[in-house]
C-alpha cells in the first residue's frame, strides 16, 4: 500500500524519462511523493483558509468541513503509507465522501448568500462542476481509493 508502485504517474514518468536520462526509479518515486505532499498541503491550506475566512457558517458547510478533514486524513495515510483505523472504515469514507462531494457540488447554489454559478450558462454548469471535481478532487479520491482497497 505504498505510493511508490501504486500510482501510474511514477511509472509513466520513469518510462518517459528513464531510458533517455540519468533519473532512476527511486528519484522518480521521490518526485511523485513530493507531488502528493504538495497536493496534501494545497487541500489542507484551502480548507483552513476557508475556515479562517468564516466560510463554514451553516451546518451544511460545517459537515462539509468535517468530511473534508476525514478524507484528508485518509489521503495522508496513503501518502505517508501509515495505517489509520481499518480499511473497512476507509471504504465507507471513500464512498460516502465521494457521494457527498458530488451531491454537495451539484446542489450548491450559494456560499454565504452569494450566488456562485450565475455567471456560468446553465447548459455549461454540469460540465464546469464535473470538470472541477475531477481536476481538484480526482487525486484525493484516487489516493483514498488506493488506501481503502489496497
Foldseek 3Di string as FASTA:
>chain_A
DAPLPPDCQLVVVCVVCVVPDDDDSVNSSVVSLVVLVVLLVVLVVVLVVCVVVVQQPDPLSVVLSVLSVVLSVLLVCHSVVHDDDALVVLVCSLVVSVVSLVCCLVPDQDTPPHGDCPVPDPVCVVVVSVVCCCVSVVVSSVSSCVSSPD
